[in-house]
Amino acid sequence: MLGISDVAHDDLAVLGSGPVSPDPTTFKDAIAVLEKHGLSESVPSTVREHLVAARTETLKPGDPALPRVTSCILAGNEDALRAGARAAEALGYAARVQPEWLRGEACERGRDIGAMVHDITGPSALFFGGETVVRVLGSGRGGRNQEVALAAVDGLSGRDAVLACFGTDGVDGPTDAAGAIVDGHTRSRADALGLEAEAHLLENDAYAYFDALGDLIRTGPTGTNVRDVSVLLLR
């Protein structure tokens, strides 16, 4: 199997639902999970019927076909990060790659990036990879990459730095943007328009904030996916 990885740690068991990887779980396990959480009657009847019928189980450990399977990951998130780092080094930046760093709450990771700007000296390029999550409490629009960028606005304010956060598939949340860009002037430009980063964060409305500034990254769907990338450049 040849694969482009959009999963954590390039785990073959979950990449593309693991079509050629052994799966130790069964239909009975799935039914037990539904029953445990009281969801048996919530799923479509066709799903319940399929689980109960259990006509064809997935590939199991020890299957005689497994020794004949060869799998190769052609590209993944870390490949994208390292390619970016090489390009940055060619431009004179000291580059650093941090795979699987983007995880947990998007707004927390954005604030972390904003805070670390103050501790870095010299031309530096930091490449962060992974995928965060967004706890939706407001009624706005956005995606996890836009939210990471929005949470970094205050930290980058006044600094000679720029941050780009984007999904490599070209789609970030239910929007037409892949992500957004923030720099040391974003906050002052937003203030002039009456836009407050924290208010937009509370509403999960990063899209409106960056759309008004013209700082959304719009690539359209790329046709591939190696998860998310955030790039921080400092002069």
Protein backbone atom coordinates (compact mmCIF):
# COMPACT_ATOMS: atom_id res chain seq x y z
CA MET A 1 0.00 0.00 0.00
CA LEU A 2 1.21 3.49 -0.87
CA GLY A 3 -0.17 6.28 1.31
CA ILE A 4 -0.20 10.01 1.92
CA SER A 5 -0.60 10.35 5.68
CA ASP A 6 -3.12 12.67 7.30
CA VAL A 7 -3.03 10.93 10.70
CA ALA A 8 -0.92 11.27 13.83
CA HIS A 9 2.41 9.44 13.80
CA ASP A 10 1.58 8.06 10.31
CA ASP A 11 -0.27 5.18 11.97
CA LEU A 12 -1.15 2.68 9.22
CA ALA A 13 -3.93 1.18 11.35
CA VAL A 14 -6.01 4.37 11.07
CA LEU A 15 -4.76 5.78 7.76
CA GLY A 16 -7.62 5.37 5.29
CA SER A 17 -9.33 3.20 7.94
CA GLY A 18 -6.37 0.80 7.79
CA PRO A 19 -7.43 -1.37 4.83
CA VAL A 20 -4.30 -3.57 4.99
CA SER A 21 -3.58 -3.33 8.72
CA PRO A 22 -4.75 -5.84 11.34
CA ASP A 23 -7.74 -4.68 13.37
CA PRO A 24 -8.17 -6.38 16.78
CA THR A 25 -11.68 -4.94 17.30
CA THR A 26 -14.94 -6.62 16.27
CA PHE A 27 -18.54 -5.77 15.42
CA LYS A 28 -19.45 -6.88 18.95
CA ASP A 29 -17.02 -4.31 20.34
CA ALA A 30 -18.76 -1.58 18.34
CA ILE A 31 -22.17 -2.67 19.62
CA ALA A 32 -20.85 -2.66 23.19
CA VAL A 33 -19.63 0.93 22.80
CA LEU A 34 -23.04 2.07 21.53
CA GLU A 35 -24.79 0.33 24.41
CA LYS A 36 -22.37 1.70 27.00
CA HIS A 37 -23.10 5.28 25.98
CA GLY A 38 -26.81 4.80 25.34
CA LEU A 39 -26.51 5.43 21.61
CA SER A 40 -27.98 2.21 20.24
CA GLU A 41 -31.23 3.87 19.21
CA SER A 42 -29.56 7.05 17.99
CA VAL A 43 -27.62 5.55 15.10
CA PRO A 44 -29.37 4.83 11.78
CA SER A 45 -31.14 1.48 11.62
CA THR A 46 -28.94 0.43 8.68
CA VAL A 47 -25.85 0.82 10.90
CA ARG A 48 -27.36 -1.29 13.68
CA GLU A 49 -28.43 -3.97 11.21
CA HIS A 50 -24.94 -4.09 9.69
CA LEU A 51 -23.27 -4.44 13.09
CA VAL A 52 -25.65 -7.17 14.22
CA ALA A 53 -25.32 -9.12 10.97
CA ALA A 54 -21.49 -8.98 11.21
CA ARG A 55 -21.17 -10.55 7.78
CA THR A 56 -17.55 -9.62 7.05
CA GLU A 57 -15.10 -8.80 9.80
CA THR A 58 -12.05 -6.63 9.18
CA LEU A 59 -8.55 -8.05 8.75
CA LYS A 60 -7.40 -9.58 12.04
CA PRO A 61 -3.93 -10.11 13.58
CA GLY A 62 -2.41 -13.37 12.38
CA ASP A 63 -4.21 -13.38 9.04
CA PRO A 64 -2.06 -15.35 6.54
CA ALA A 65 -2.37 -12.51 4.01
CA LEU A 66 -0.51 -10.01 6.21
CA PRO A 67 3.08 -11.21 5.48
CA ARG A 68 2.43 -10.47 1.81
CA VAL A 69 1.55 -6.83 2.48
CA THR A 70 4.12 -4.06 2.04
CA SER A 71 3.18 -0.51 3.00
CA CYS A 72 4.99 2.75 2.32
CA ILE A 73 4.16 6.28 3.47
CA LEU A 74 5.07 8.55 0.56
CA ALA A 75 4.56 11.80 2.48
CA GLY A 76 3.31 12.99 5.83
CA ASN A 77 3.20 16.04 8.05
CA GLU A 78 6.84 15.85 9.13
CA ASP A 79 7.93 15.71 5.47
CA ALA A 80 6.12 19.01 4.87
CA LEU A 81 7.70 20.58 7.95
CA ARG A 82 11.22 19.51 7.00
CA ALA A 83 10.80 20.70 3.42
CA GLY A 84 9.74 24.08 4.75
CA ALA A 85 12.69 24.15 7.14
CA ARG A 86 15.13 23.49 4.29
CA ALA A 87 13.64 26.37 2.32
CA ALA A 88 13.90 28.66 5.35
CA GLU A 89 17.53 27.71 5.97
CA ALA A 90 18.34 28.57 2.35
CA LEU A 91 17.00 32.07 3.09
CA GLY A 92 19.24 32.45 6.14
CA TYR A 93 16.87 31.47 8.94
CA ALA A 94 17.77 29.14 11.79
CA ALA A 95 15.00 26.58 11.35
CA ARG A 96 13.43 24.26 13.88
CA VAL A 97 10.82 21.57 13.30
CA GLN A 98 8.30 20.54 15.99
CA PRO A 99 6.14 17.63 14.78
CA GLU A 100 2.95 16.78 16.67
CA TRP A 101 3.17 20.10 18.54
CA LEU A 102 -0.20 21.29 17.25
CA ARG A 103 -2.58 19.38 19.51
CA GLY A 104 -5.14 20.17 22.16
CA GLU A 105 -7.06 23.45 22.18
CA ALA A 106 -6.32 25.68 19.19
CA CYS A 107 -6.53 28.90 21.20
CA GLU A 108 -4.04 27.57 23.76
CA ARG A 109 -1.51 26.67 21.09
CA GLY A 110 -1.92 30.10 19.52
CA ARG A 111 -1.24 31.84 22.82
CA ASP A 112 1.79 29.60 23.34
CA ILE A 113 3.21 30.69 19.98
CA GLY A 114 2.56 34.33 20.83
CA ALA A 115 4.40 33.91 24.12
CA MET A 116 7.47 32.18 22.69
CA VAL A 117 8.15 35.08 20.32
CA HIS A 118 9.62 37.03 23.22
CA ASP A 119 12.25 34.36 23.95
CA ILE A 120 13.67 33.94 20.44
CA THR A 121 16.56 35.98 19.06
CA GLY A 122 18.05 36.17 15.60
CA PRO A 123 16.45 35.18 12.28
CA SER A 124 14.44 32.11 13.18
CA ALA A 125 11.86 29.90 11.50
CA LEU A 126 9.74 27.53 13.57
CA PHE A 127 7.61 24.88 11.87
CA PHE A 128 4.82 23.32 13.93
CA GLY A 129 2.81 20.31 12.80
CA GLY A 130 -0.23 18.32 13.87
CA GLU A 131 -3.90 19.14 14.38
CA THR A 132 -5.60 21.05 17.16
CA VAL A 133 -9.25 21.03 18.21
CA VAL A 134 -11.73 23.85 18.78
CA ARG A 135 -14.25 23.90 21.59
CA VAL A 136 -17.18 25.66 19.93
CA LEU A 137 -18.94 27.94 22.40
CA GLY A 138 -19.86 30.84 20.12
CA SER A 139 -21.89 31.26 16.95
CA GLY A 140 -19.17 32.56 14.60
CA ARG A 141 -17.30 30.94 11.72
CA GLY A 142 -13.74 29.72 11.49
CA GLY A 143 -11.49 26.71 11.70
CA ARG A 144 -8.76 25.44 13.98
CA ASN A 145 -5.95 27.09 12.00
CA GLN A 146 -7.69 30.45 11.95
CA GLU A 147 -8.26 30.12 15.69
CA VAL A 148 -4.56 29.36 16.35
CA ALA A 149 -3.65 32.49 14.39
CA LEU A 150 -6.24 34.65 16.16
CA ALA A 151 -5.05 33.55 19.61
CA ALA A 152 -1.49 34.62 18.68
CA VAL A 153 -2.43 38.18 17.67
CA ASP A 154 -1.71 39.85 21.02
CA GLY A 155 1.57 37.96 21.53
CA LEU A 156 2.92 39.02 18.14
CA SER A 157 1.78 42.63 18.45
CA GLY A 158 4.69 45.03 17.90
CA ARG A 159 7.13 42.23 17.17
CA ASP A 160 9.11 41.75 13.95
CA ALA A 161 7.41 38.41 13.30
CA VAL A 162 4.86 36.74 11.07
CA LEU A 163 2.81 33.59 11.65
CA ALA A 164 0.99 31.57 8.99
CA CYS A 165 -1.40 28.80 10.09
CA PHE A 166 -3.05 26.60 7.48
CA GLY A 167 -4.46 23.21 6.60
CA THR A 168 -2.53 21.47 3.86
CA ASP A 169 -5.79 20.32 2.27
CA GLY A 170 -6.72 23.96 1.65
CA VAL A 171 -9.83 23.77 3.85
CA ASP A 172 -10.08 25.04 7.42
CA GLY A 173 -13.37 24.33 9.13
CA PRO A 174 -16.63 25.19 7.30
CA THR A 175 -15.01 28.08 5.41
CA ASP A 176 -13.42 28.82 2.05
CA ALA A 177 -10.06 29.55 3.70
CA ALA A 178 -7.11 27.29 4.45
CA GLY A 179 -6.05 29.42 7.41
CA ALA A 180 -4.78 32.91 8.23
CA ILE A 181 -1.69 35.11 8.62
CA VAL A 182 -0.74 37.28 11.62
CA ASP A 183 2.16 39.70 12.06
CA GLY A 184 3.33 42.41 14.41
CA HIS A 185 0.93 44.95 12.87
CA THR A 186 -2.24 42.84 12.88
CA ARG A 187 -3.52 44.12 16.21
CA SER A 188 -3.06 47.81 15.37
CA ARG A 189 -4.77 47.33 12.00
CA ALA A 190 -7.61 45.48 13.69
CA ASP A 191 -7.95 48.17 16.36
CA ALA A 192 -8.44 50.74 13.62
CA LEU A 193 -11.39 48.70 12.36
CA GLY A 194 -12.85 48.15 15.82
CA LEU A 195 -11.99 44.44 15.81
CA GLU A 196 -11.06 42.78 19.10
CA ALA A 197 -9.25 39.44 18.92
CA GLU A 198 -10.48 38.20 22.30
CA ALA A 199 -14.12 38.99 21.49
CA HIS A 200 -13.85 37.09 18.23
CA LEU A 201 -12.20 34.16 20.01
CA LEU A 202 -15.10 33.96 22.46
CA GLU A 203 -17.48 33.74 19.52
CA ASN A 204 -15.27 31.31 17.57
CA ASP A 205 -15.40 33.95 14.84
CA ALA A 206 -11.84 34.03 13.51
CA TYR A 207 -13.06 34.04 9.90
CA ALA A 208 -14.83 37.41 10.20
CA TYR A 209 -11.80 38.95 11.93
CA PHE A 210 -9.29 37.92 9.28
CA ASP A 211 -11.67 38.44 6.38
CA ALA A 212 -12.09 42.08 7.38
CA LEU A 213 -8.29 42.47 7.45
CA GLY A 214 -7.74 40.63 4.17
CA ASP A 215 -5.47 38.16 5.97
CA LEU A 216 -7.16 34.85 5.23
CA ILE A 217 -5.15 32.25 3.31
CA ARG A 218 -7.25 31.08 0.37
CA THR A 219 -5.77 28.34 -1.81
CA GLY A 220 -8.83 26.27 -2.62
CA PRO A 221 -8.79 22.49 -2.06
CA THR A 222 -5.28 21.16 -2.74
CA GLY A 223 -6.32 17.59 -3.48
CA THR A 224 -4.06 16.16 -0.78
CA ASN A 225 -3.70 16.34 3.00
CA VAL A 226 -0.76 15.99 5.38
CA ARG A 227 -2.51 17.66 8.32
CA ASP A 228 -1.88 21.23 9.56
CA VAL A 229 1.19 23.44 9.50
CA SER A 230 1.98 26.66 11.37
CA VAL A 231 5.08 28.64 10.39
CA LEU A 232 6.54 31.35 12.62
CA LEU A 233 9.22 33.64 11.11
CA LEU A 234 11.23 36.14 13.16
CA ARG A 235 13.88 38.51 11.89
